[in-house]
Amino acid sequence: MSSILVSYTEDDDQPRIKLASQLARPCHGSRESPTRFGDDKATELSRKKHSSHVGAPVNLSQLPRVILFQIISNISDRRTLLSLCLVPTAFGDFFNRGKLGFFRSVYSEEVTRGEYTPDNAIVTITKHIKKHPEAAVMIFEVAWKGIICAGQLKGAVSFLYDLDGRLDGEDFDMVLLSLQAMSNQAVLQTSWEAWAAAFTAIDFLHETYRSHSTKTMVKWIQHEAVLKRREIMRQGASKGQWNNAYCVLKKLQSYYGVEKHRKGKKHFEWKHFEREDNNDLAEVVQATLNLAVHEHQWVEASKQVFELVMLDADVHDLVRILEKICSGAISENRWQDATETIRLFKNILDYENVAEESLDRLRSQWYGAEGIRWTYGNDLF
C-alpha cells in the first residue's frame, strides 16, 4: 500500500525518519550536594534509583496510545508518514493499524491547500486501484470532498466522468459504491456542503443508470432534505459555499413544486393543499432570496423576488427588497444586473403606484452613477 500513499522520483532520496531513542535526558550541570561520611551507600542507592527514572531511555513505543496518536496526527508530510510504517517497532505497528486514517488527514490538508489536485487523484487512483483498492477509494473520497468544499459542483461531475473514462467497469463500480455511501451519510448532517455533495452524487448516478433504484434514491434524498430543511436553511453561507447552498435550496424548491403539482391532480380540496404547499415553498424561496442578497448575487435575488410575486407574497415587502437589490447592483457598477432587476418591477401588480417612491430613488441613483452607460435608462423607468 505504501506506493499509492506517496510517490517518489528517481532523484528523490529515500525518505528516512530519525526517531529519538529517548524523550527524557539526564539532567546536566547540577552539582551533587555534599554528603556526610557514612552516607555513601545511601547516596549510591539514591543515584541508582534516580537514574532509573530520569536517565533511562524512553522509547516512543512505550508512550500511551493517546500520545502516539497526537504525535502522528500532527505530521503533515506524506513521506514522513510513509517512513513511520517502515519502523519495525511497536510504534510502527501502532501507526500501521491506523495508516489510512492518518494519510486521509494529510491528503485532505494537501487538497485544501491546492497542492493535490483532482488530476493528481485520477492518476493515483487509476494507477493503483487494482493492487490497493482501499487506499485508492480513500483518495477518491478525499478528492471528492475537496472539490465539493470548494463549491465546484460542475468540477465534481467532471471528476466522476473522467474516472469513468479511465477505470474499467468493476473498478468504477467500487468508486460509485463509495460515492453512494458518502451520500447516505448526508442525512446525518446539516451542512450545505454535505447535502450539495449528496444531490450532486445522486443526480450523477441517476443520469448514468436511469434505473428504478436510482430514481428511488433521488426521491429519498430529497425527502430527507425536506425533513431537515429548517436546520439546513438556518445556516449562513461561508466563503465559497454559495454554489453549494444554492444547489440545495433549488432542490428543495423543485421538490415543493413537484409536490404542489402532484397534490393538485390527486385531491379535490385543492385550495387547502395549494395554500399549505405555497407556504412551504415560500419559506424556501425566502431563504434563497436572503442568501442571494447576502452574497450580492443580485440577478438570482431578483429571480427569487419574482417567485414570491407568483406566490402572492406581500407586495410592499417585495418592492422594498427589489429596491435594495437594484440599489446594490448600481452601487457596485453592475449595469447588466441593475437593468434586469429594474425590469422586474413591472411584474408587480399596480407597480407604478406601489413602487413609485422606490423607482424615484433608483432613478436618481441610476443617473448619478459614474459611467456613460448609466446615462441611458428612460425605457426602464
Protein backbone atom coordinates (compact mmCIF):
# COMPACT_ATOMS: atom_id res chain seq x y z
CA MET A 1 0.00 0.00 0.00
CA SER A 2 2.97 2.28 0.52
CA SER A 3 3.39 3.00 -3.17
CA ILE A 4 -0.03 4.59 -3.50
CA LEU A 5 0.31 6.76 -0.44
CA VAL A 6 3.45 8.57 -1.54
CA SER A 7 5.24 8.66 -4.87
CA TYR A 8 8.94 9.13 -5.48
CA THR A 9 11.02 10.17 -8.45
CA GLU A 10 14.42 8.74 -9.31
CA ASP A 11 16.10 11.86 -7.99
CA ASP A 12 14.43 11.65 -4.60
CA ASP A 13 16.43 10.41 -1.68
CA GLN A 14 14.80 7.51 0.08
CA PRO A 15 13.00 9.14 3.00
CA ARG A 16 14.13 8.31 6.47
CA ILE A 17 12.77 9.28 9.83
CA LYS A 18 15.04 9.62 12.80
CA LEU A 19 13.27 8.54 15.90
CA ALA A 20 14.73 9.72 19.16
CA SER A 21 15.89 6.84 21.30
CA GLN A 22 14.76 8.71 24.33
CA LEU A 23 12.44 11.57 25.16
CA ALA A 24 13.88 12.47 28.55
CA ARG A 25 17.56 13.16 29.07
CA PRO A 26 19.60 13.10 32.25
CA CYS A 27 19.94 16.42 33.99
CA HIS A 28 23.25 18.14 33.34
CA GLY A 29 25.07 20.91 35.09
CA SER A 30 23.69 20.27 38.59
CA ARG A 31 26.19 19.69 41.35
CA GLU A 32 25.77 16.96 43.87
CA SER A 33 25.12 18.12 47.39
CA PRO A 34 27.96 17.39 49.82
CA THR A 35 27.30 14.24 51.82
CA ARG A 36 28.32 13.30 55.28
CA PHE A 37 30.76 10.46 55.90
CA GLY A 38 28.80 7.21 56.30
CA ASP A 39 26.10 8.19 53.80
CA ASP A 40 27.97 6.76 50.77
CA LYS A 41 25.76 3.70 50.48
CA ALA A 42 22.56 5.69 50.77
CA THR A 43 23.85 8.17 48.23
CA GLU A 44 24.70 5.39 45.75
CA LEU A 45 21.25 3.83 46.16
CA SER A 46 19.65 7.21 45.68
CA ARG A 47 21.66 7.76 42.48
CA LYS A 48 20.64 4.39 41.06
CA LYS A 49 17.02 4.98 41.90
CA HIS A 50 17.12 8.46 40.37
CA SER A 51 18.90 7.34 37.21
CA SER A 52 16.44 4.51 36.67
CA HIS A 53 13.70 7.11 36.27
CA VAL A 54 15.38 10.18 34.85
CA GLY A 55 18.29 8.88 32.82
CA ALA A 56 16.68 5.79 31.34
CA PRO A 57 15.78 6.00 27.66
CA VAL A 58 12.05 6.12 26.90
CA ASN A 59 11.07 4.56 23.57
CA LEU A 60 8.19 6.11 21.63
CA SER A 61 6.55 2.71 21.60
CA GLN A 62 6.28 2.92 25.38
CA LEU A 63 4.18 6.06 25.26
CA PRO A 64 0.42 5.88 25.85
CA ARG A 65 -1.60 5.33 22.69
CA VAL A 66 -3.31 8.70 23.00
CA ILE A 67 0.09 10.46 22.98
CA LEU A 68 1.25 8.44 19.97
CA PHE A 69 -1.95 9.35 18.18
CA GLN A 70 -1.39 13.05 18.86
CA ILE A 71 2.20 12.86 17.61
CA ILE A 72 1.25 11.16 14.35
CA SER A 73 -1.80 13.36 13.83
CA ASN A 74 0.42 16.44 13.82
CA ILE A 75 2.59 15.09 11.00
CA SER A 76 1.58 16.81 7.77
CA ASP A 77 4.13 15.29 5.41
CA ARG A 78 3.32 12.12 3.47
CA ARG A 79 6.92 10.99 3.26
CA THR A 80 7.40 11.18 6.98
CA LEU A 81 4.23 9.16 7.46
CA LEU A 82 5.42 6.57 4.97
CA SER A 83 8.70 6.24 6.84
CA LEU A 84 6.81 5.55 10.04
CA CYS A 85 5.20 2.48 8.54
CA LEU A 86 8.71 1.11 7.87
CA VAL A 87 9.77 1.36 11.51
CA PRO A 88 9.97 -2.24 12.83
CA THR A 89 8.77 -1.43 16.32
CA ALA A 90 5.58 -1.30 18.29
CA PHE A 91 5.45 2.35 17.24
CA GLY A 92 5.42 1.33 13.59
CA ASP A 93 2.80 -1.32 14.32
CA PHE A 94 0.59 1.25 16.01
CA PHE A 95 0.92 3.54 13.01
CA ASN A 96 0.14 0.79 10.54
CA ARG A 97 -3.12 -0.04 12.29
CA GLY A 98 -4.40 3.47 11.61
CA LYS A 99 -2.39 4.22 8.48
CA LEU A 100 -5.29 5.07 6.16
CA GLY A 101 -6.78 7.45 8.69
CA PHE A 102 -3.51 9.33 9.11
CA PHE A 103 -2.93 9.55 5.37
CA ARG A 104 -6.53 10.66 4.82
CA SER A 105 -5.87 13.62 7.09
CA VAL A 106 -2.65 14.56 5.28
CA TYR A 107 -4.19 14.24 1.82
CA SER A 108 -7.13 16.38 2.96
CA GLU A 109 -4.73 19.13 4.01
CA GLU A 110 -2.96 18.96 0.65
CA VAL A 111 -6.26 19.13 -1.23
CA THR A 112 -7.37 22.12 0.84
CA ARG A 113 -4.11 23.92 0.06
CA GLY A 114 -4.47 23.10 -3.64
CA GLU A 115 -1.29 21.02 -3.64
CA TYR A 116 -3.07 17.78 -4.57
CA THR A 117 -5.48 18.32 -7.45
CA PRO A 118 -8.31 16.19 -8.88
CA ASP A 119 -6.00 15.37 -11.81
CA ASN A 120 -3.38 14.10 -9.36
CA ALA A 121 -6.03 11.98 -7.69
CA ILE A 122 -7.20 10.50 -11.00
CA VAL A 123 -3.64 9.48 -11.90
CA THR A 124 -3.07 7.91 -8.48
CA ILE A 125 -6.40 6.09 -8.42
CA THR A 126 -6.14 4.64 -11.93
CA LYS A 127 -2.56 3.52 -11.33
CA HIS A 128 -3.09 1.77 -8.02
CA ILE A 129 -6.74 0.74 -7.65
CA LYS A 130 -6.07 -2.84 -8.76
CA LYS A 131 -3.46 -3.58 -6.11
CA HIS A 132 -4.56 -1.16 -3.40
CA PRO A 133 -8.33 -0.64 -3.73
CA GLU A 134 -8.86 0.53 -0.16
CA ALA A 135 -6.26 3.28 -0.42
CA ALA A 136 -7.48 4.27 -3.89
CA VAL A 137 -11.04 4.68 -2.63
CA MET A 138 -9.76 6.75 0.29
CA ILE A 139 -8.02 9.11 -2.14
CA PHE A 140 -11.20 9.33 -4.23
CA GLU A 141 -13.22 10.31 -1.16
CA VAL A 142 -10.73 12.97 -0.11
CA ALA A 143 -10.57 14.46 -3.62
CA TRP A 144 -14.37 14.40 -3.99
CA LYS A 145 -14.92 16.19 -0.69
CA GLY A 146 -12.26 18.75 -1.56
CA ILE A 147 -13.94 19.60 -4.86
CA ILE A 148 -17.35 19.93 -3.20
CA CYS A 149 -15.93 22.01 -0.34
CA ALA A 150 -14.63 24.48 -2.93
CA GLY A 151 -18.15 24.76 -4.35
CA GLN A 152 -17.06 23.34 -7.71
CA LEU A 153 -20.11 21.16 -8.35
CA LYS A 154 -19.61 21.01 -12.12
CA GLY A 155 -15.99 20.12 -11.47
CA ALA A 156 -17.15 17.29 -9.21
CA VAL A 157 -19.28 15.83 -12.01
CA SER A 158 -16.39 16.16 -14.47
CA PHE A 159 -14.18 14.35 -11.95
CA LEU A 160 -16.60 11.41 -11.97
CA TYR A 161 -16.84 11.32 -15.76
CA ASP A 162 -13.04 11.41 -16.04
CA LEU A 163 -12.72 8.49 -13.65
CA ASP A 164 -15.41 6.61 -15.55
CA GLY A 165 -13.38 7.02 -18.72
CA ARG A 166 -10.15 5.80 -17.08
CA LEU A 167 -11.35 2.86 -14.98
CA ASP A 168 -12.89 -0.43 -16.04
CA GLY A 169 -16.44 -1.25 -15.00
CA GLU A 170 -15.54 -3.22 -11.89
CA ASP A 171 -13.19 -0.57 -10.51
CA PHE A 172 -15.57 2.29 -11.27
CA ASP A 173 -18.37 0.41 -9.52
CA MET A 174 -16.14 0.37 -6.45
CA VAL A 175 -15.85 4.16 -6.67
CA LEU A 176 -19.62 4.52 -7.09
CA LEU A 177 -20.28 2.37 -4.02
CA SER A 178 -18.11 4.76 -2.02
CA LEU A 179 -19.96 7.71 -3.56
CA GLN A 180 -23.31 6.24 -2.58
CA ALA A 181 -22.11 5.52 0.96
CA MET A 182 -20.99 9.14 1.40
CA SER A 183 -24.36 10.34 0.08
CA ASN A 184 -26.22 8.16 2.55
CA GLN A 185 -24.29 9.78 5.40
CA ALA A 186 -25.54 13.23 4.40
CA VAL A 187 -28.86 12.60 6.14
CA LEU A 188 -27.00 12.75 9.45
CA GLN A 189 -25.66 16.24 8.70
CA THR A 190 -26.99 19.73 8.08
CA SER A 191 -24.17 21.46 6.19
CA TRP A 192 -24.63 22.89 2.71
CA GLU A 193 -21.52 21.01 1.67
CA ALA A 194 -22.81 17.58 2.72
CA TRP A 195 -26.21 18.00 1.05
CA ALA A 196 -24.80 19.54 -2.13
CA ALA A 197 -22.44 16.57 -2.38
CA ALA A 198 -25.32 14.15 -1.88
CA PHE A 199 -27.53 15.80 -4.51
CA THR A 200 -24.66 16.02 -7.00
CA ALA A 201 -23.74 12.37 -6.47
CA ILE A 202 -27.30 11.05 -6.69
CA ASP A 203 -28.01 13.12 -9.81
CA PHE A 204 -24.91 11.67 -11.44
CA LEU A 205 -25.92 8.12 -10.56
CA HIS A 206 -29.42 8.67 -11.90
CA GLU A 207 -28.19 10.31 -15.10
CA THR A 208 -25.78 7.43 -15.64
CA TYR A 209 -28.06 4.46 -14.93
CA ARG A 210 -31.64 5.72 -15.20
CA SER A 211 -32.85 2.78 -13.14
CA HIS A 212 -35.73 2.37 -10.72
CA SER A 213 -33.27 2.20 -7.82
CA THR A 214 -31.55 5.47 -8.74
CA LYS A 215 -34.93 7.16 -9.16
CA THR A 216 -35.83 5.94 -5.69
CA MET A 217 -32.55 7.35 -4.36
CA VAL A 218 -33.34 10.77 -5.86
CA LYS A 219 -36.73 10.85 -4.15
CA TRP A 220 -35.30 9.59 -0.89
CA ILE A 221 -32.53 12.20 -0.65
CA GLN A 222 -34.99 14.99 -1.49
CA HIS A 223 -37.42 13.77 1.15
CA GLU A 224 -34.68 13.61 3.78
CA ALA A 225 -33.55 17.13 2.91
CA VAL A 226 -37.12 18.39 3.27
CA LEU A 227 -37.34 16.87 6.74
CA LYS A 228 -34.22 18.82 7.77
CA ARG A 229 -34.86 21.92 5.71
CA ARG A 230 -35.16 24.35 8.62
CA GLU A 231 -31.91 23.15 10.19
CA ILE A 232 -30.19 23.37 6.82
CA MET A 233 -31.61 26.79 5.90
CA ARG A 234 -30.73 28.24 9.29
CA GLN A 235 -27.08 28.36 8.28
CA GLY A 236 -25.33 31.20 6.61
CA ALA A 237 -23.06 30.54 3.66
CA SER A 238 -19.39 30.74 4.50
CA LYS A 239 -16.85 31.74 1.88
CA GLY A 240 -17.05 29.55 -1.19
CA GLN A 241 -20.32 27.90 -0.17
CA TRP A 242 -22.76 29.92 -2.31
CA ASN A 243 -22.87 27.28 -5.06
CA ASN A 244 -23.49 24.53 -2.53
CA ALA A 245 -26.21 26.44 -0.72
CA TYR A 246 -27.89 27.45 -3.97
CA CYS A 247 -27.85 23.84 -5.20
CA VAL A 248 -29.57 22.59 -2.05
CA LEU A 249 -32.17 25.37 -1.95
CA LYS A 250 -33.09 24.89 -5.61
CA LYS A 251 -33.53 21.17 -4.98
CA LEU A 252 -35.90 21.97 -2.13
CA GLN A 253 -37.82 24.38 -4.35
CA SER A 254 -38.05 21.70 -7.03
CA TYR A 255 -39.42 19.22 -4.52
CA TYR A 256 -42.20 21.54 -3.39
CA GLY A 257 -43.03 22.46 -6.96
CA VAL A 258 -43.47 18.79 -7.89
CA GLU A 259 -45.47 18.08 -4.75
CA LYS A 260 -47.75 21.02 -5.42
CA HIS A 261 -48.49 19.74 -8.91
CA ARG A 262 -48.97 16.16 -7.73
CA LYS A 263 -51.40 17.04 -4.96
CA GLY A 264 -53.32 19.34 -7.28
CA LYS A 265 -54.06 16.43 -9.60
CA LYS A 266 -54.86 13.99 -6.81
CA HIS A 267 -57.03 15.92 -4.37
CA PHE A 268 -60.34 17.67 -4.77
CA GLU A 269 -59.65 20.03 -1.88
CA TRP A 270 -57.04 21.80 -3.99
CA LYS A 271 -57.17 25.17 -2.26
CA HIS A 272 -56.20 23.72 1.10
CA PHE A 273 -53.18 21.88 -0.27
CA GLU A 274 -52.20 24.78 -2.51
CA ARG A 275 -52.05 27.12 0.48
CA GLU A 276 -50.04 24.62 2.53
CA ASP A 277 -47.53 23.94 -0.24
CA ASN A 278 -47.26 27.62 -1.10
CA ASN A 279 -46.25 28.38 2.48
CA ASP A 280 -43.53 25.72 2.45
CA LEU A 281 -42.27 26.78 -0.95
CA ALA A 282 -42.32 30.46 0.02
CA GLU A 283 -40.21 29.63 3.08
CA VAL A 284 -37.53 28.05 0.90
CA VAL A 285 -37.68 30.82 -1.71
CA GLN A 286 -37.32 33.43 1.04
CA ALA A 287 -34.26 31.61 2.38
CA THR A 288 -32.78 31.55 -1.13
CA LEU A 289 -33.52 35.26 -1.51
CA ASN A 290 -31.90 36.17 1.81
CA LEU A 291 -28.80 34.18 0.95
CA ALA A 292 -28.55 35.67 -2.54
CA VAL A 293 -28.79 39.21 -1.16
CA HIS A 294 -26.16 38.43 1.46
CA GLU A 295 -23.83 37.10 -1.24
CA HIS A 296 -24.58 40.04 -3.59
CA GLN A 297 -25.96 37.65 -6.19
CA TRP A 298 -28.28 40.38 -7.44
CA VAL A 299 -29.76 38.68 -10.51
CA GLU A 300 -30.51 35.48 -8.62
CA ALA A 301 -32.01 37.50 -5.78
CA SER A 302 -34.33 39.30 -8.21
CA LYS A 303 -35.45 35.94 -9.62
CA GLN A 304 -36.45 34.86 -6.13
CA VAL A 305 -38.48 38.06 -5.77
CA PHE A 306 -40.31 37.10 -8.96
CA GLU A 307 -41.04 33.65 -7.47
CA LEU A 308 -42.51 35.33 -4.40
CA VAL A 309 -44.68 37.52 -6.64
CA MET A 310 -46.11 34.34 -8.13
CA LEU A 311 -46.76 33.04 -4.61
CA ASP A 312 -48.74 36.16 -3.69
CA ALA A 313 -46.28 37.45 -1.11
CA ASP A 314 -46.74 40.90 0.41
CA VAL A 315 -46.29 43.44 -2.39
CA HIS A 316 -44.84 46.20 -0.24
CA ASP A 317 -42.17 43.85 1.15
CA LEU A 318 -41.25 42.76 -2.35
CA VAL A 319 -40.92 46.36 -3.55
CA ARG A 320 -38.64 47.17 -0.62
CA ILE A 321 -36.44 44.13 -1.28
CA LEU A 322 -36.31 44.75 -5.02
CA GLU A 323 -35.19 48.33 -4.41
CA LYS A 324 -32.42 47.07 -2.13
CA ILE A 325 -31.28 44.58 -4.78
CA CYS A 326 -31.23 47.12 -7.60
CA SER A 327 -29.53 49.73 -5.43
CA GLY A 328 -26.82 47.21 -4.56
CA ALA A 329 -26.22 46.43 -8.23
CA ILE A 330 -25.95 50.13 -9.11
CA SER A 331 -23.58 50.78 -6.20
CA GLU A 332 -21.29 48.01 -7.44
CA ASN A 333 -21.42 49.35 -11.01
CA ARG A 334 -23.09 46.18 -12.26
CA TRP A 335 -25.13 47.69 -15.05
CA GLN A 336 -26.46 44.44 -16.51
CA ASP A 337 -27.63 43.19 -13.11
CA ALA A 338 -29.31 46.51 -12.36
CA THR A 339 -31.05 46.51 -15.74
CA GLU A 340 -32.50 43.02 -15.24
CA THR A 341 -33.62 43.89 -11.72
CA ILE A 342 -35.38 47.15 -12.67
CA ARG A 343 -37.45 45.34 -15.27
CA LEU A 344 -38.88 43.03 -12.60
CA PHE A 345 -40.83 45.90 -11.04
CA LYS A 346 -43.28 45.59 -13.93
CA ASN A 347 -44.27 42.12 -12.70
CA ILE A 348 -45.70 43.61 -9.51
CA LEU A 349 -49.39 44.39 -9.63
CA ASP A 350 -50.05 48.14 -9.88
CA TYR A 351 -46.28 48.72 -9.62
CA GLU A 352 -46.48 52.32 -10.87
CA ASN A 353 -48.32 53.31 -7.72
CA VAL A 354 -46.97 50.78 -5.22
CA ALA A 355 -43.34 51.25 -6.26
CA GLU A 356 -43.44 54.93 -7.21
CA GLU A 357 -41.18 56.16 -4.41
CA SER A 358 -38.73 53.29 -4.81
CA LEU A 359 -38.44 53.89 -8.54
CA ASP A 360 -37.86 57.61 -7.97
CA ARG A 361 -34.97 56.86 -5.63
CA LEU A 362 -33.50 54.30 -8.00
CA ARG A 363 -33.82 56.70 -10.95
CA SER A 364 -31.85 59.31 -9.04
CA GLN A 365 -29.17 56.78 -8.07
CA TRP A 366 -29.05 55.39 -11.62
CA TYR A 367 -28.34 58.73 -13.31
CA GLY A 368 -25.95 59.70 -10.54
CA ALA A 369 -23.73 56.67 -11.11
CA GLU A 370 -20.39 57.11 -12.87
CA GLY A 371 -20.05 55.95 -16.46
CA ILE A 372 -21.74 56.79 -19.73
CA ARG A 373 -23.93 53.70 -19.76
CA TRP A 374 -25.76 54.98 -16.68
CA THR A 375 -26.97 57.96 -18.70
CA TYR A 376 -29.39 55.70 -20.56
CA GLY A 377 -32.43 54.36 -18.73
CA ASN A 378 -35.58 56.15 -19.82
CA ASP A 379 -37.05 52.94 -21.20
CA LEU A 380 -36.55 51.25 -17.83
CA PHE A 381 -38.22 53.86 -15.66
